[in-house]
Amino acid sequence: MKTVKYAFIASAVVFVLLQITYYPQLPDNVAIHFNTKGEVNGWMQKNVNLLISSLIIVITSSVIMGLPYLLRNTSGDLISIPQKEYWLSMNNKERLIRIVSTYLYAIGLATNLFMIFVFHQLYRFNIHAIDRVSIVLGVPFVIVILGMAIHLLIRLKKCV
């Protein structure tokens, strides 16, 4: 779990470093939204873009880091998971928190890597005046996230 957690934290730091590195090179108004063909259809001031993207990474990282704490300190009545009685028993609750935490950090890591890719594409587009951005990674990202969530549910149903 610690390796995934540290990789997740490192990916958030890389995201921030990416923002800092590219910021001085960006034009005052940056393209931020693209249609399915990769063509620009939305613009934003670069300082607003930096603020919003930084808030996104801080909020998502805080939520992912805070969920294990909430799980540990929330009444069992408010938790809905498969095999609830088994997982919330005194013998298994810490194990449940470790399992869920590992999956959360893995999902957070995948999300951060996806955001790094997207923002890197966005900044390359704005700095180098590339014709289009690639949106190809969106589909595998969704598949990976859904796969992890399904795998977690299956694992929790088995009680092993």
Protein backbone atom coordinates (compact mmCIF):
# COMPACT_ATOMS: atom_id res chain seq x y z
CA MET A 1 0.00 0.00 0.00
CA LYS A 2 2.78 2.44 0.86
CA THR A 3 4.32 2.17 -2.62
CA VAL A 4 1.02 3.02 -4.29
CA LYS A 5 0.42 5.83 -1.79
CA TYR A 6 3.84 7.36 -2.41
CA ALA A 7 3.45 6.99 -6.18
CA PHE A 8 0.09 8.77 -5.88
CA ILE A 9 1.65 11.61 -3.86
CA ALA A 10 4.59 11.81 -6.28
CA SER A 11 2.19 12.08 -9.23
CA ALA A 12 0.47 15.04 -7.55
CA VAL A 13 3.87 16.70 -7.07
CA VAL A 14 4.76 16.03 -10.73
CA PHE A 15 1.47 17.61 -11.75
CA VAL A 16 2.30 20.76 -9.75
CA LEU A 17 5.83 20.85 -11.20
CA LEU A 18 4.35 20.54 -14.69
CA GLN A 19 2.14 23.55 -13.98
CA ILE A 20 5.06 25.62 -12.66
CA THR A 21 7.35 24.63 -15.54
CA TYR A 22 4.89 25.48 -18.31
CA TYR A 23 3.25 28.56 -16.79
CA PRO A 24 5.84 31.19 -17.89
CA GLN A 25 5.78 29.85 -21.46
CA LEU A 26 2.00 29.98 -21.88
CA PRO A 27 0.21 32.78 -23.72
CA ASP A 28 -2.12 34.99 -21.66
CA ASN A 29 -5.17 33.10 -22.97
CA VAL A 30 -4.88 29.33 -23.26
CA ALA A 31 -7.01 26.87 -25.14
CA ILE A 32 -8.59 24.62 -22.52
CA HIS A 33 -11.42 22.78 -24.21
CA PHE A 34 -11.48 20.75 -27.39
CA ASN A 35 -14.18 18.98 -29.38
CA THR A 36 -14.06 15.30 -30.32
CA LYS A 37 -11.90 16.14 -33.35
CA GLY A 38 -9.29 17.77 -31.10
CA GLU A 39 -10.16 21.30 -32.24
CA VAL A 40 -10.31 24.22 -29.78
CA ASN A 41 -13.73 25.36 -28.60
CA GLY A 42 -12.90 26.99 -25.24
CA TRP A 43 -10.35 29.49 -23.88
CA MET A 44 -9.27 30.69 -20.42
CA GLN A 45 -6.77 33.15 -18.94
CA LYS A 46 -3.59 31.31 -17.98
CA ASN A 47 -3.67 32.46 -14.35
CA VAL A 48 -7.27 31.21 -13.95
CA ASN A 49 -6.24 27.94 -15.59
CA LEU A 50 -3.37 27.57 -13.12
CA LEU A 51 -5.68 28.29 -10.18
CA ILE A 52 -8.40 25.87 -11.30
CA SER A 53 -6.02 23.05 -12.23
CA SER A 54 -4.18 23.48 -8.91
CA LEU A 55 -7.48 23.37 -7.02
CA ILE A 56 -8.45 20.21 -8.90
CA ILE A 57 -5.26 18.39 -7.88
CA VAL A 58 -5.42 19.62 -4.27
CA ILE A 59 -9.10 18.71 -3.85
CA THR A 60 -8.86 15.28 -5.50
CA SER A 61 -5.68 14.42 -3.58
CA SER A 62 -7.22 15.60 -0.30
CA VAL A 63 -10.38 13.57 -0.85
CA ILE A 64 -8.44 10.42 -1.72
CA MET A 65 -6.09 10.86 1.24
CA GLY A 66 -9.01 11.63 3.58
CA LEU A 67 -11.35 8.78 2.64
CA PRO A 68 -9.46 6.11 4.63
CA TYR A 69 -9.64 8.39 7.69
CA LEU A 70 -13.39 8.83 7.17
CA LEU A 71 -13.86 5.09 6.74
CA ARG A 72 -11.99 4.45 9.97
CA ASN A 73 -14.07 7.00 11.90
CA THR A 74 -17.51 6.58 10.36
CA SER A 75 -20.31 4.59 11.90
CA GLY A 76 -20.95 1.25 10.21
CA ASP A 77 -24.54 2.35 9.61
CA LEU A 78 -23.29 4.91 7.07
CA ILE A 79 -21.04 2.50 5.17
CA SER A 80 -22.42 0.46 2.30
CA ILE A 81 -20.16 -2.33 1.06
CA PRO A 82 -20.60 -5.97 0.08
CA GLN A 83 -20.38 -8.40 3.04
CA LYS A 84 -20.70 -5.46 5.43
CA GLU A 85 -20.93 -7.51 8.61
CA TYR A 86 -17.73 -9.38 7.77
CA TRP A 87 -15.67 -6.34 6.73
CA LEU A 88 -16.79 -4.05 9.56
CA SER A 89 -16.13 -6.59 12.30
CA MET A 90 -13.36 -5.75 14.77
CA ASN A 91 -11.07 -8.36 13.17
CA ASN A 92 -11.43 -7.11 9.58
CA LYS A 93 -12.04 -3.35 9.62
CA GLU A 94 -8.33 -2.39 9.49
CA ARG A 95 -7.81 -4.88 6.66
CA LEU A 96 -10.77 -3.32 4.82
CA ILE A 97 -9.25 0.13 5.26
CA ARG A 98 -5.89 -1.09 3.88
CA ILE A 99 -7.56 -2.72 0.87
CA VAL A 100 -9.80 0.25 0.09
CA SER A 101 -6.92 2.69 0.63
CA THR A 102 -4.71 0.81 -1.81
CA TYR A 103 -7.42 0.90 -4.47
CA LEU A 104 -8.12 4.59 -3.79
CA TYR A 105 -4.44 5.45 -4.17
CA ALA A 106 -4.24 3.40 -7.37
CA ILE A 107 -7.31 5.16 -8.78
CA GLY A 108 -5.86 8.50 -7.68
CA LEU A 109 -2.54 7.64 -9.32
CA ALA A 110 -4.30 6.71 -12.58
CA THR A 111 -6.32 9.93 -12.40
CA ASN A 112 -3.25 12.07 -11.77
CA LEU A 113 -1.34 10.40 -14.60
CA PHE A 114 -4.30 11.03 -16.89
CA MET A 115 -4.43 14.69 -15.81
CA ILE A 116 -0.67 15.03 -16.34
CA PHE A 117 -1.11 13.67 -19.86
CA VAL A 118 -4.09 15.94 -20.60
CA PHE A 119 -2.45 19.09 -19.25
CA HIS A 120 0.84 18.27 -20.97
CA GLN A 121 -1.11 18.00 -24.25
CA LEU A 122 -2.92 21.24 -23.48
CA TYR A 123 0.29 23.13 -22.75
CA ARG A 124 2.11 21.72 -25.78
CA PHE A 125 -0.83 22.80 -27.91
CA ASN A 126 -0.71 26.34 -26.51
CA ILE A 127 3.06 26.79 -26.59
CA HIS A 128 3.91 25.08 -29.88
CA ALA A 129 0.69 25.83 -31.77
CA ILE A 130 0.05 22.17 -32.54
CA ASP A 131 -2.96 21.64 -34.82
CA ARG A 132 -4.79 19.18 -32.56
CA VAL A 133 -4.57 17.43 -29.25
CA SER A 134 -4.77 13.70 -28.76
CA ILE A 135 -7.77 12.47 -26.79
CA VAL A 136 -6.95 8.81 -27.33
CA LEU A 137 -5.94 8.14 -23.71
CA GLY A 138 -9.44 8.92 -22.42
CA VAL A 139 -10.88 5.52 -23.31
CA PRO A 140 -8.13 3.41 -21.68
CA PHE A 141 -8.30 5.65 -18.60
CA VAL A 142 -12.03 4.98 -18.17
CA ILE A 143 -11.46 1.25 -18.71
CA VAL A 144 -8.67 1.16 -16.09
CA ILE A 145 -10.74 3.05 -13.50
CA LEU A 146 -13.81 0.88 -14.08
CA GLY A 147 -11.63 -2.24 -13.96
CA MET A 148 -10.16 -1.25 -10.61
CA ALA A 149 -13.58 -0.43 -9.15
CA ILE A 150 -15.06 -3.74 -10.36
CA HIS A 151 -12.03 -5.66 -9.06
CA LEU A 152 -12.43 -4.01 -5.64
CA LEU A 153 -16.13 -4.94 -5.48
CA ILE A 154 -15.36 -8.54 -6.46
CA ARG A 155 -12.62 -8.72 -3.84
CA LEU A 156 -14.91 -7.36 -1.13
CA LYS A 157 -17.67 -9.82 -2.03
CA LYS A 158 -15.34 -12.81 -1.62
CA CYS A 159 -14.38 -12.00 1.99
CA VAL A 160 -10.79 -13.17 1.58
